[in-house]
């Protein structure tokens, strides 16, 4: 995928939709690394990588441009980069035995260069990468066929004009990590850390608690364990019930459950193709 989000991370992001609001979240499209890590990475890059990959990771006579490299763009905290350095392709070209902390610093520097390039050039690098990665015809076939997208989405309904609402990079970002705020939109139901909780978004997870007397109470799940269940009710208040032997019963409803299941089997290429198709829906 042409930005630093691996397929495994997509599943993690899907799982985090259940997490409390207090969890820190990535701000914007890029992860910003600590300045001290970038500084260390700059020094380490120049000592170990610069000879082949050129000044400021822009490519040299031997190595490719790391700012545009799919390895760099897919990397997360240097983990993917370290795996690639240990792999047969790189070992055949240059044998390196670098410890993970050093690779993580180098990755921090490379990602800082990616952010700088995207900011200075209007995200041109990512736009080009995403725009050229997919096949719209294949994406249409997947949307209307194997992907089962038409069970919930319509190009004349909730997907109408989606290609005009978002640039192609944002569009792929939202295909990869669906939110609770709309068809492909952000937002959705939880206040920020320390703030008041807002109403749940249209795609928020909800739950129904069935009490011992048969009464049903609906709300947004805050905590569900074998010992208690807490819901946020429509008026913003919270109510907690102790549980024993599965009573009261709890049934959760996740509008994105099918989408999350699709993400488990969706390949990068299918995601590229689907993005290319959605981008045509002007």
C-alpha atoms as a PDB file:
ATOM      1  CA  UNK A   1       0.000   0.000   0.000  1.00  0.00           C
ATOM      2  CA  UNK A   2       1.519   3.355  -0.937  1.00  0.00           C
ATOM      3  CA  UNK A   3       1.824   4.843   2.505  1.00  0.00           C
ATOM      4  CA  UNK A   4       3.323   3.612   5.740  1.00  0.00           C
ATOM      5  CA  UNK A   5       0.421   1.383   6.785  1.00  0.00           C
ATOM      6  CA  UNK A   6       0.863  -2.381   6.528  1.00  0.00           C
ATOM      7  CA  UNK A   7      -2.001  -4.817   5.962  1.00  0.00           C
ATOM      8  CA  UNK A   8      -1.600  -6.066   9.534  1.00  0.00           C
ATOM      9  CA  UNK A   9      -1.995  -2.492  10.754  1.00  0.00           C
ATOM     10  CA  UNK A  10      -5.368  -2.272   8.994  1.00  0.00           C
ATOM     11  CA  UNK A  11      -6.664  -5.096  11.145  1.00  0.00           C
ATOM     12  CA  UNK A  12      -5.251  -3.386  14.226  1.00  0.00           C
ATOM     13  CA  UNK A  13      -6.995  -0.143  13.253  1.00  0.00           C
ATOM     14  CA  UNK A  14     -10.228  -2.075  12.818  1.00  0.00           C
ATOM     15  CA  UNK A  15      -9.773  -3.556  16.293  1.00  0.00           C
ATOM     16  CA  UNK A  16      -9.112  -0.122  17.785  1.00  0.00           C
ATOM     17  CA  UNK A  17     -12.619   0.990  16.835  1.00  0.00           C
ATOM     18  CA  UNK A  18     -13.621  -0.820  20.034  1.00  0.00           C
ATOM     19  CA  UNK A  19     -11.050   1.019  22.175  1.00  0.00           C
ATOM     20  CA  UNK A  20     -11.755   3.826  24.656  1.00  0.00           C
ATOM     21  CA  UNK A  21     -11.434   7.418  23.511  1.00  0.00           C
ATOM     22  CA  UNK A  22      -8.493   7.969  25.824  1.00  0.00           C
ATOM     23  CA  UNK A  23      -6.211   5.992  23.501  1.00  0.00           C
ATOM     24  CA  UNK A  24      -3.867   8.245  21.563  1.00  0.00           C
ATOM     25  CA  UNK A  25      -4.627   8.482  17.868  1.00  0.00           C
ATOM     26  CA  UNK A  26      -2.490   9.346  14.883  1.00  0.00           C
ATOM     27  CA  UNK A  27      -2.935  12.970  13.910  1.00  0.00           C
ATOM     28  CA  UNK A  28      -3.388  13.553  10.208  1.00  0.00           C
ATOM     29  CA  UNK A  29      -2.101  11.271   7.470  1.00  0.00           C
ATOM     30  CA  UNK A  30       1.457  10.898   8.743  1.00  0.00           C
ATOM     31  CA  UNK A  31       3.010   9.734  11.950  1.00  0.00           C
ATOM     32  CA  UNK A  32       5.372  12.369  13.324  1.00  0.00           C
ATOM     33  CA  UNK A  33       8.533  10.958  14.914  1.00  0.00           C
ATOM     34  CA  UNK A  34      10.459  12.600  17.805  1.00  0.00           C
ATOM     35  CA  UNK A  35      13.048  15.153  16.604  1.00  0.00           C
ATOM     36  CA  UNK A  36      15.828  13.368  18.485  1.00  0.00           C
ATOM     37  CA  UNK A  37      15.046  10.107  16.639  1.00  0.00           C
ATOM     38  CA  UNK A  38      15.101  11.941  13.311  1.00  0.00           C
ATOM     39  CA  UNK A  39      18.443  13.549  14.188  1.00  0.00           C
ATOM     40  CA  UNK A  40      19.971  10.205  15.152  1.00  0.00           C
ATOM     41  CA  UNK A  41      18.479   8.658  12.024  1.00  0.00           C
ATOM     42  CA  UNK A  42      19.969  11.368   9.820  1.00  0.00           C
ATOM     43  CA  UNK A  43      23.431  10.599  11.139  1.00  0.00           C
ATOM     44  CA  UNK A  44      22.967   6.832  10.861  1.00  0.00           C
ATOM     45  CA  UNK A  45      21.490   7.141   7.372  1.00  0.00           C
ATOM     46  CA  UNK A  46      24.483   9.103   6.118  1.00  0.00           C
ATOM     47  CA  UNK A  47      26.875   6.537   7.572  1.00  0.00           C
ATOM     48  CA  UNK A  48      25.134   3.388   6.330  1.00  0.00           C
ATOM     49  CA  UNK A  49      22.715   4.253   3.508  1.00  0.00           C
ATOM     50  CA  UNK A  50      23.660   7.571   1.939  1.00  0.00           C
ATOM     51  CA  UNK A  51      26.402   6.189  -0.283  1.00  0.00           C
ATOM     52  CA  UNK A  52      23.885   4.108  -2.265  1.00  0.00           C
ATOM     53  CA  UNK A  53      20.636   6.017  -1.785  1.00  0.00           C
ATOM     54  CA  UNK A  54      21.945   9.531  -2.139  1.00  0.00           C
ATOM     55  CA  UNK A  55      21.663  12.780  -0.264  1.00  0.00           C
ATOM     56  CA  UNK A  56      18.503  13.107   1.825  1.00  0.00           C
ATOM     57  CA  UNK A  57      17.250   9.689   0.609  1.00  0.00           C
ATOM     58  CA  UNK A  58      16.455  11.060  -2.842  1.00  0.00           C
ATOM     59  CA  UNK A  59      18.291   8.262  -4.657  1.00  0.00           C
ATOM     60  CA  UNK A  60      21.837   7.790  -5.884  1.00  0.00           C
ATOM     61  CA  UNK A  61      23.696   6.151  -8.711  1.00  0.00           C
ATOM     62  CA  UNK A  62      23.309   2.734  -7.080  1.00  0.00           C
ATOM     63  CA  UNK A  63      20.266   2.762  -4.795  1.00  0.00           C
ATOM     64  CA  UNK A  64      16.708   3.941  -5.514  1.00  0.00           C
ATOM     65  CA  UNK A  65      14.882   6.980  -4.121  1.00  0.00           C
ATOM     66  CA  UNK A  66      13.745   5.953  -0.627  1.00  0.00           C
ATOM     67  CA  UNK A  67      11.152   8.716  -0.429  1.00  0.00           C
ATOM     68  CA  UNK A  68       9.194   7.105  -3.243  1.00  0.00           C
ATOM     69  CA  UNK A  69      10.116   3.529  -2.324  1.00  0.00           C
ATOM     70  CA  UNK A  70       7.197   1.217  -1.602  1.00  0.00           C
ATOM     71  CA  UNK A  71       9.281  -0.326   1.194  1.00  0.00           C
ATOM     72  CA  UNK A  72       9.573   3.049   2.913  1.00  0.00           C
ATOM     73  CA  UNK A  73       5.983   4.065   2.320  1.00  0.00           C
ATOM     74  CA  UNK A  74       4.672   0.797   3.745  1.00  0.00           C
ATOM     75  CA  UNK A  75       7.002   0.773   6.721  1.00  0.00           C
ATOM     76  CA  UNK A  76       5.795   1.201  10.296  1.00  0.00           C
ATOM     77  CA  UNK A  77       8.356   2.341  12.881  1.00  0.00           C
ATOM     78  CA  UNK A  78      11.232   0.647  11.060  1.00  0.00           C
ATOM     79  CA  UNK A  79       9.780  -2.869  11.418  1.00  0.00           C
ATOM     80  CA  UNK A  80       9.095  -3.362   7.718  1.00  0.00           C
ATOM     81  CA  UNK A  81      12.365  -1.688   6.795  1.00  0.00           C
ATOM     82  CA  UNK A  82      14.332  -4.052   9.058  1.00  0.00           C
ATOM     83  CA  UNK A  83      12.633  -7.066   7.510  1.00  0.00           C
ATOM     84  CA  UNK A  84      13.515  -5.858   4.038  1.00  0.00           C
ATOM     85  CA  UNK A  85      17.152  -5.216   4.972  1.00  0.00           C
ATOM     86  CA  UNK A  86      17.423  -8.811   6.197  1.00  0.00           C
ATOM     87  CA  UNK A  87      15.754 -10.188   3.069  1.00  0.00           C
ATOM     88  CA  UNK A  88      17.431 -11.835   0.109  1.00  0.00           C
ATOM     89  CA  UNK A  89      16.993  -8.903  -2.286  1.00  0.00           C
ATOM     90  CA  UNK A  90      18.861  -6.369  -0.155  1.00  0.00           C
ATOM     91  CA  UNK A  91      21.367  -8.873   1.196  1.00  0.00           C
ATOM     92  CA  UNK A  92      22.323  -9.717  -2.381  1.00  0.00           C
ATOM     93  CA  UNK A  93      22.977  -6.049  -3.116  1.00  0.00           C
ATOM     94  CA  UNK A  94      24.475  -4.986   0.231  1.00  0.00           C
ATOM     95  CA  UNK A  95      24.888  -7.099   3.350  1.00  0.00           C
ATOM     96  CA  UNK A  96      23.900  -5.113   6.420  1.00  0.00           C
ATOM     97  CA  UNK A  97      23.499  -6.318   9.984  1.00  0.00           C
ATOM     98  CA  UNK A  98      21.803  -3.451  11.804  1.00  0.00           C
ATOM     99  CA  UNK A  99      20.137  -3.603  15.213  1.00  0.00           C
ATOM    100  CA  UNK A 100      16.442  -2.667  15.362  1.00  0.00           C
ATOM    101  CA  UNK A 101      16.931   0.596  17.335  1.00  0.00           C
ATOM    102  CA  UNK A 102      19.314   1.848  14.663  1.00  0.00           C
ATOM    103  CA  UNK A 103      16.933   0.858  11.850  1.00  0.00           C
ATOM    104  CA  UNK A 104      14.048   2.544  13.694  1.00  0.00           C
ATOM    105  CA  UNK A 105      16.019   5.797  13.841  1.00  0.00           C
ATOM    106  CA  UNK A 106      16.852   5.560  10.135  1.00  0.00           C
ATOM    107  CA  UNK A 107      13.175   4.918   9.423  1.00  0.00           C
ATOM    108  CA  UNK A 108      12.227   7.987  11.485  1.00  0.00           C
ATOM    109  CA  UNK A 109      14.547  10.063   9.310  1.00  0.00           C
ATOM    110  CA  UNK A 110      13.215   8.586   6.049  1.00  0.00           C
ATOM    111  CA  UNK A 111       9.613   9.159   7.152  1.00  0.00           C
ATOM    112  CA  UNK A 112      10.487  12.753   8.016  1.00  0.00           C
ATOM    113  CA  UNK A 113      11.755  13.140   4.459  1.00  0.00           C
ATOM    114  CA  UNK A 114       8.502  11.653   3.117  1.00  0.00           C
ATOM    115  CA  UNK A 115       6.452  14.104   5.182  1.00  0.00           C
ATOM    116  CA  UNK A 116       8.612  16.987   4.031  1.00  0.00           C
ATOM    117  CA  UNK A 117       8.311  15.979   0.372  1.00  0.00           C
ATOM    118  CA  UNK A 118       4.551  15.514   0.610  1.00  0.00           C
ATOM    119  CA  UNK A 119       4.111  18.853   2.373  1.00  0.00           C
ATOM    120  CA  UNK A 120       6.335  20.780   0.004  1.00  0.00           C
ATOM    121  CA  UNK A 121       4.890  19.210  -3.142  1.00  0.00           C
ATOM    122  CA  UNK A 122       1.233  19.030  -2.230  1.00  0.00           C
ATOM    123  CA  UNK A 123       1.329  15.277  -1.553  1.00  0.00           C
ATOM    124  CA  UNK A 124       2.453  14.749  -5.147  1.00  0.00           C
ATOM    125  CA  UNK A 125       4.495  11.678  -4.299  1.00  0.00           C
ATOM    126  CA  UNK A 126       1.615   9.897  -2.627  1.00  0.00           C
ATOM    127  CA  UNK A 127      -0.915  11.045  -5.208  1.00  0.00           C
ATOM    128  CA  UNK A 128       1.206   9.654  -8.024  1.00  0.00           C
ATOM    129  CA  UNK A 129       1.832   6.411  -6.172  1.00  0.00           C
ATOM    130  CA  UNK A 130      -1.819   5.776  -5.359  1.00  0.00           C
ATOM    131  CA  UNK A 131      -3.144   6.950  -8.714  1.00  0.00           C
ATOM    132  CA  UNK A 132      -0.848   4.620 -10.629  1.00  0.00           C
ATOM    133  CA  UNK A 133      -1.212   1.587  -8.375  1.00  0.00           C
ATOM    134  CA  UNK A 134      -4.748   0.448  -9.176  1.00  0.00           C
ATOM    135  CA  UNK A 135      -6.869  -0.717 -12.089  1.00  0.00           C
ATOM    136  CA  UNK A 136     -10.323   0.870 -12.090  1.00  0.00           C
ATOM    137  CA  UNK A 137     -11.905  -1.902 -14.181  1.00  0.00           C
ATOM    138  CA  UNK A 138     -10.659  -4.553 -11.762  1.00  0.00           C
ATOM    139  CA  UNK A 139     -11.888  -2.434  -8.878  1.00  0.00           C
ATOM    140  CA  UNK A 140     -15.352  -2.149 -10.406  1.00  0.00           C
ATOM    141  CA  UNK A 141     -15.500  -5.920 -10.865  1.00  0.00           C
ATOM    142  CA  UNK A 142     -14.521  -6.426  -7.222  1.00  0.00           C
ATOM    143  CA  UNK A 143     -16.990  -3.782  -5.998  1.00  0.00           C
ATOM    144  CA  UNK A 144     -19.897  -5.353  -7.888  1.00  0.00           C
ATOM    145  CA  UNK A 145     -18.782  -8.955  -7.462  1.00  0.00           C
ATOM    146  CA  UNK A 146     -16.458 -10.755  -5.063  1.00  0.00           C
ATOM    147  CA  UNK A 147     -16.167  -7.826  -2.661  1.00  0.00           C
ATOM    148  CA  UNK A 148     -19.904  -7.800  -2.004  1.00  0.00           C
ATOM    149  CA  UNK A 149     -19.777  -4.015  -1.679  1.00  0.00           C
ATOM    150  CA  UNK A 150     -23.172  -3.520  -3.338  1.00  0.00           C
ATOM    151  CA  UNK A 151     -24.850  -5.250  -0.397  1.00  0.00           C
ATOM    152  CA  UNK A 152     -24.361  -2.050   1.601  1.00  0.00           C
ATOM    153  CA  UNK A 153     -23.238   0.575  -0.922  1.00  0.00           C
ATOM    154  CA  UNK A 154     -24.669   2.047  -4.106  1.00  0.00           C
ATOM    155  CA  UNK A 155     -22.914   4.217  -6.673  1.00  0.00           C
ATOM    156  CA  UNK A 156     -26.170   6.146  -7.013  1.00  0.00           C
ATOM    157  CA  UNK A 157     -26.712   6.317  -3.261  1.00  0.00           C
ATOM    158  CA  UNK A 158     -24.184   6.583  -0.444  1.00  0.00           C
ATOM    159  CA  UNK A 159     -21.222   6.356  -2.834  1.00  0.00           C
ATOM    160  CA  UNK A 160     -22.507   8.875  -5.335  1.00  0.00           C
ATOM    161  CA  UNK A 161     -19.797  11.400  -6.194  1.00  0.00           C
ATOM    162  CA  UNK A 162     -17.347   9.891  -3.689  1.00  0.00           C
ATOM    163  CA  UNK A 163     -14.488  10.449  -6.135  1.00  0.00           C
ATOM    164  CA  UNK A 164     -15.139  14.189  -6.069  1.00  0.00           C
ATOM    165  CA  UNK A 165     -15.397  14.459  -2.286  1.00  0.00           C
ATOM    166  CA  UNK A 166     -11.886  13.185  -1.505  1.00  0.00           C
ATOM    167  CA  UNK A 167      -8.480  13.300  -3.113  1.00  0.00           C
ATOM    168  CA  UNK A 168      -7.309   9.830  -4.103  1.00  0.00           C
ATOM    169  CA  UNK A 169      -4.872   9.460  -1.182  1.00  0.00           C
ATOM    170  CA  UNK A 170      -7.542  10.314   1.385  1.00  0.00           C
ATOM    171  CA  UNK A 171      -9.964   8.048  -0.452  1.00  0.00           C
ATOM    172  CA  UNK A 172      -7.651   5.054  -0.140  1.00  0.00           C
ATOM    173  CA  UNK A 173      -6.942   5.938   3.483  1.00  0.00           C
ATOM    174  CA  UNK A 174     -10.656   5.768   4.223  1.00  0.00           C
ATOM    175  CA  UNK A 175     -11.199   2.596   2.222  1.00  0.00           C
ATOM    176  CA  UNK A 176      -8.412   0.997   4.249  1.00  0.00           C
ATOM    177  CA  UNK A 177      -9.592   2.285   7.620  1.00  0.00           C
ATOM    178  CA  UNK A 178     -13.362   2.817   7.592  1.00  0.00           C
ATOM    179  CA  UNK A 179     -14.644   5.168  10.241  1.00  0.00           C
ATOM    180  CA  UNK A 180     -17.802   5.316  12.275  1.00  0.00           C
ATOM    181  CA  UNK A 181     -18.885   8.704  10.923  1.00  0.00           C
ATOM    182  CA  UNK A 182     -20.366   7.885   7.520  1.00  0.00           C
ATOM    183  CA  UNK A 183     -19.888   5.803   4.343  1.00  0.00           C
ATOM    184  CA  UNK A 184     -16.190   6.611   4.205  1.00  0.00           C
ATOM    185  CA  UNK A 185     -16.027   9.623   6.496  1.00  0.00           C
ATOM    186  CA  UNK A 186     -14.321  10.458   9.726  1.00  0.00           C
ATOM    187  CA  UNK A 187     -15.885  11.160  13.058  1.00  0.00           C
ATOM    188  CA  UNK A 188     -18.232   8.965  14.870  1.00  0.00           C
ATOM    189  CA  UNK A 189     -19.390   8.897  18.308  1.00  0.00           C
ATOM    190  CA  UNK A 190     -16.734   9.407  20.939  1.00  0.00           C
ATOM    191  CA  UNK A 191     -15.596  12.667  22.406  1.00  0.00           C
ATOM    192  CA  UNK A 192     -11.894  13.398  22.634  1.00  0.00           C
ATOM    193  CA  UNK A 193      -9.912  12.419  25.663  1.00  0.00           C
ATOM    194  CA  UNK A 194     -11.260  14.378  28.574  1.00  0.00           C
ATOM    195  CA  UNK A 195     -14.126  15.840  26.542  1.00  0.00           C
ATOM    196  CA  UNK A 196     -17.818  15.180  26.658  1.00  0.00           C
ATOM    197  CA  UNK A 197     -19.026  12.256  24.613  1.00  0.00           C
ATOM    198  CA  UNK A 198     -21.097  13.183  21.623  1.00  0.00           C
ATOM    199  CA  UNK A 199     -23.927  11.172  20.079  1.00  0.00           C
ATOM    200  CA  UNK A 200     -22.848   7.971  18.336  1.00  0.00           C
ATOM    201  CA  UNK A 201     -22.173   8.242  14.622  1.00  0.00           C
ATOM    202  CA  UNK A 202     -24.335   6.395  12.104  1.00  0.00           C
ATOM    203  CA  UNK A 203     -21.815   3.537  11.962  1.00  0.00           C
ATOM    204  CA  UNK A 204     -21.045   3.361  15.674  1.00  0.00           C
ATOM    205  CA  UNK A 205     -21.118   0.057  17.532  1.00  0.00           C
ATOM    206  CA  UNK A 206     -24.245  -0.249  19.674  1.00  0.00           C
ATOM    207  CA  UNK A 207     -25.390  -2.850  22.176  1.00  0.00           C
ATOM    208  CA  UNK A 208     -28.637  -4.185  23.581  1.00  0.00           C
ATOM    209  CA  UNK A 209     -28.715  -5.355  27.209  1.00  0.00           C
ATOM    210  CA  UNK A 210     -31.490  -7.801  28.074  1.00  0.00           C
ATOM    211  CA  UNK A 211     -32.237  -7.713  31.796  1.00  0.00           C
ATOM    212  CA  UNK A 212     -33.478 -10.675  33.854  1.00  0.00           C
ATOM    213  CA  UNK A 213     -37.084  -9.428  33.608  1.00  0.00           C
ATOM    214  CA  UNK A 214     -36.855  -9.262  29.815  1.00  0.00           C
ATOM    215  CA  UNK A 215     -36.519  -5.475  29.602  1.00  0.00           C
ATOM    216  CA  UNK A 216     -34.122  -4.333  26.871  1.00  0.00           C
ATOM    217  CA  UNK A 217     -31.856  -1.302  27.121  1.00  0.00           C
ATOM    218  CA  UNK A 218     -29.934   0.038  24.134  1.00  0.00           C
ATOM    219  CA  UNK A 219     -26.871   2.249  24.075  1.00  0.00           C
ATOM    220  CA  UNK A 220     -23.222   2.577  23.185  1.00  0.00           C
ATOM    221  CA  UNK A 221     -21.008  -0.044  24.868  1.00  0.00           C
ATOM    222  CA  UNK A 222     -18.403   1.452  27.201  1.00  0.00           C
ATOM    223  CA  UNK A 223     -17.335  -1.710  29.022  1.00  0.00           C
ATOM    224  CA  UNK A 224     -18.470  -5.299  28.517  1.00  0.00           C
ATOM    225  CA  UNK A 225     -16.975  -8.131  30.597  1.00  0.00           C
ATOM    226  CA  UNK A 226     -18.146 -11.367  32.164  1.00  0.00           C
ATOM    227  CA  UNK A 227     -18.702  -9.444  35.380  1.00  0.00           C
ATOM    228  CA  UNK A 228     -20.345  -6.200  34.322  1.00  0.00           C
ATOM    229  CA  UNK A 229     -21.655  -4.210  31.400  1.00  0.00           C
ATOM    230  CA  UNK A 230     -21.718  -0.425  31.027  1.00  0.00           C
ATOM    231  CA  UNK A 231     -23.668   1.419  28.357  1.00  0.00           C
ATOM    232  CA  UNK A 232     -23.783   5.081  27.447  1.00  0.00           C
ATOM    233  CA  UNK A 233     -27.449   5.912  26.984  1.00  0.00           C
ATOM    234  CA  UNK A 234     -29.049   8.288  24.507  1.00  0.00           C
ATOM    235  CA  UNK A 235     -29.157  11.119  27.054  1.00  0.00           C
ATOM    236  CA  UNK A 236     -25.374  10.883  27.581  1.00  0.00           C
ATOM    237  CA  UNK A 237     -25.538   9.192  30.975  1.00  0.00           C
ATOM    238  CA  UNK A 238     -23.942   5.838  31.745  1.00  0.00           C
ATOM    239  CA  UNK A 239     -25.525   2.843  33.392  1.00  0.00           C
ATOM    240  CA  UNK A 240     -23.784  -0.263  34.711  1.00  0.00           C
ATOM    241  CA  UNK A 241     -25.216  -3.694  35.503  1.00  0.00           C
ATOM    242  CA  UNK A 242     -23.363  -6.522  37.264  1.00  0.00           C
ATOM    243  CA  UNK A 243     -23.306  -9.800  35.296  1.00  0.00           C
ATOM    244  CA  UNK A 244     -23.373 -13.388  36.455  1.00  0.00           C
ATOM    245  CA  UNK A 245     -23.657 -16.504  34.286  1.00  0.00           C
ATOM    246  CA  UNK A 246     -24.260 -14.326  31.220  1.00  0.00           C
ATOM    247  CA  UNK A 247     -27.132 -12.383  32.794  1.00  0.00           C
ATOM    248  CA  UNK A 248     -27.944  -9.734  31.761  1.00  0.00           C
ATOM    249  CA  UNK A 249     -27.392 -10.779  28.171  1.00  0.00           C
ATOM    250  CA  UNK A 250     -25.524  -8.445  25.842  1.00  0.00           C
ATOM    251  CA  UNK A 251     -25.857  -8.310  22.065  1.00  0.00           C
ATOM    252  CA  UNK A 252     -23.590  -5.974  20.111  1.00  0.00           C
ATOM    253  CA  UNK A 253     -24.380  -4.561  16.701  1.00  0.00           C
ATOM    254  CA  UNK A 254     -21.518  -3.468  14.445  1.00  0.00           C
ATOM    255  CA  UNK A 255     -22.501  -1.936  11.082  1.00  0.00           C
ATOM    256  CA  UNK A 256     -18.884  -2.352   9.933  1.00  0.00           C
ATOM    257  CA  UNK A 257     -18.541  -6.019  10.901  1.00  0.00           C
ATOM    258  CA  UNK A 258     -18.718  -7.193   7.296  1.00  0.00           C
ATOM    259  CA  UNK A 259     -16.249  -4.529   6.180  1.00  0.00           C
ATOM    260  CA  UNK A 260     -13.769  -5.595   8.850  1.00  0.00           C
ATOM    261  CA  UNK A 261     -14.110  -9.220   7.728  1.00  0.00           C
ATOM    262  CA  UNK A 262     -13.361  -8.157   4.140  1.00  0.00           C
ATOM    263  CA  UNK A 263     -10.206  -6.376   5.311  1.00  0.00           C
ATOM    264  CA  UNK A 264      -8.883  -9.675   6.664  1.00  0.00           C
ATOM    265  CA  UNK A 265      -8.692 -11.126   3.154  1.00  0.00           C
ATOM    266  CA  UNK A 266      -8.300  -7.993   1.021  1.00  0.00           C
ATOM    267  CA  UNK A 267      -4.940  -7.793  -0.717  1.00  0.00           C
ATOM    268  CA  UNK A 268      -3.041  -4.565  -1.295  1.00  0.00           C
ATOM    269  CA  UNK A 269      -3.722  -4.810  -5.026  1.00  0.00           C
ATOM    270  CA  UNK A 270      -7.451  -5.172  -4.522  1.00  0.00           C
ATOM    271  CA  UNK A 271      -7.370  -2.118  -2.288  1.00  0.00           C
ATOM    272  CA  UNK A 272      -5.518  -0.180  -4.984  1.00  0.00           C
ATOM    273  CA  UNK A 273      -8.012  -1.347  -7.611  1.00  0.00           C
ATOM    274  CA  UNK A 274     -11.028  -0.494  -5.467  1.00  0.00           C
ATOM    275  CA  UNK A 275      -9.603   2.966  -4.777  1.00  0.00           C
ATOM    276  CA  UNK A 276      -9.008   3.535  -8.497  1.00  0.00           C
ATOM    277  CA  UNK A 277     -12.630   2.618  -9.229  1.00  0.00           C
ATOM    278  CA  UNK A 278     -14.115   4.784  -6.474  1.00  0.00           C
ATOM    279  CA  UNK A 279     -12.011   7.692  -7.721  1.00  0.00           C
ATOM    280  CA  UNK A 280     -13.948   7.512 -11.020  1.00  0.00           C
ATOM    281  CA  UNK A 281     -17.277   8.094  -9.264  1.00  0.00           C
ATOM    282  CA  UNK A 282     -17.418  11.837  -9.801  1.00  0.00           C
END
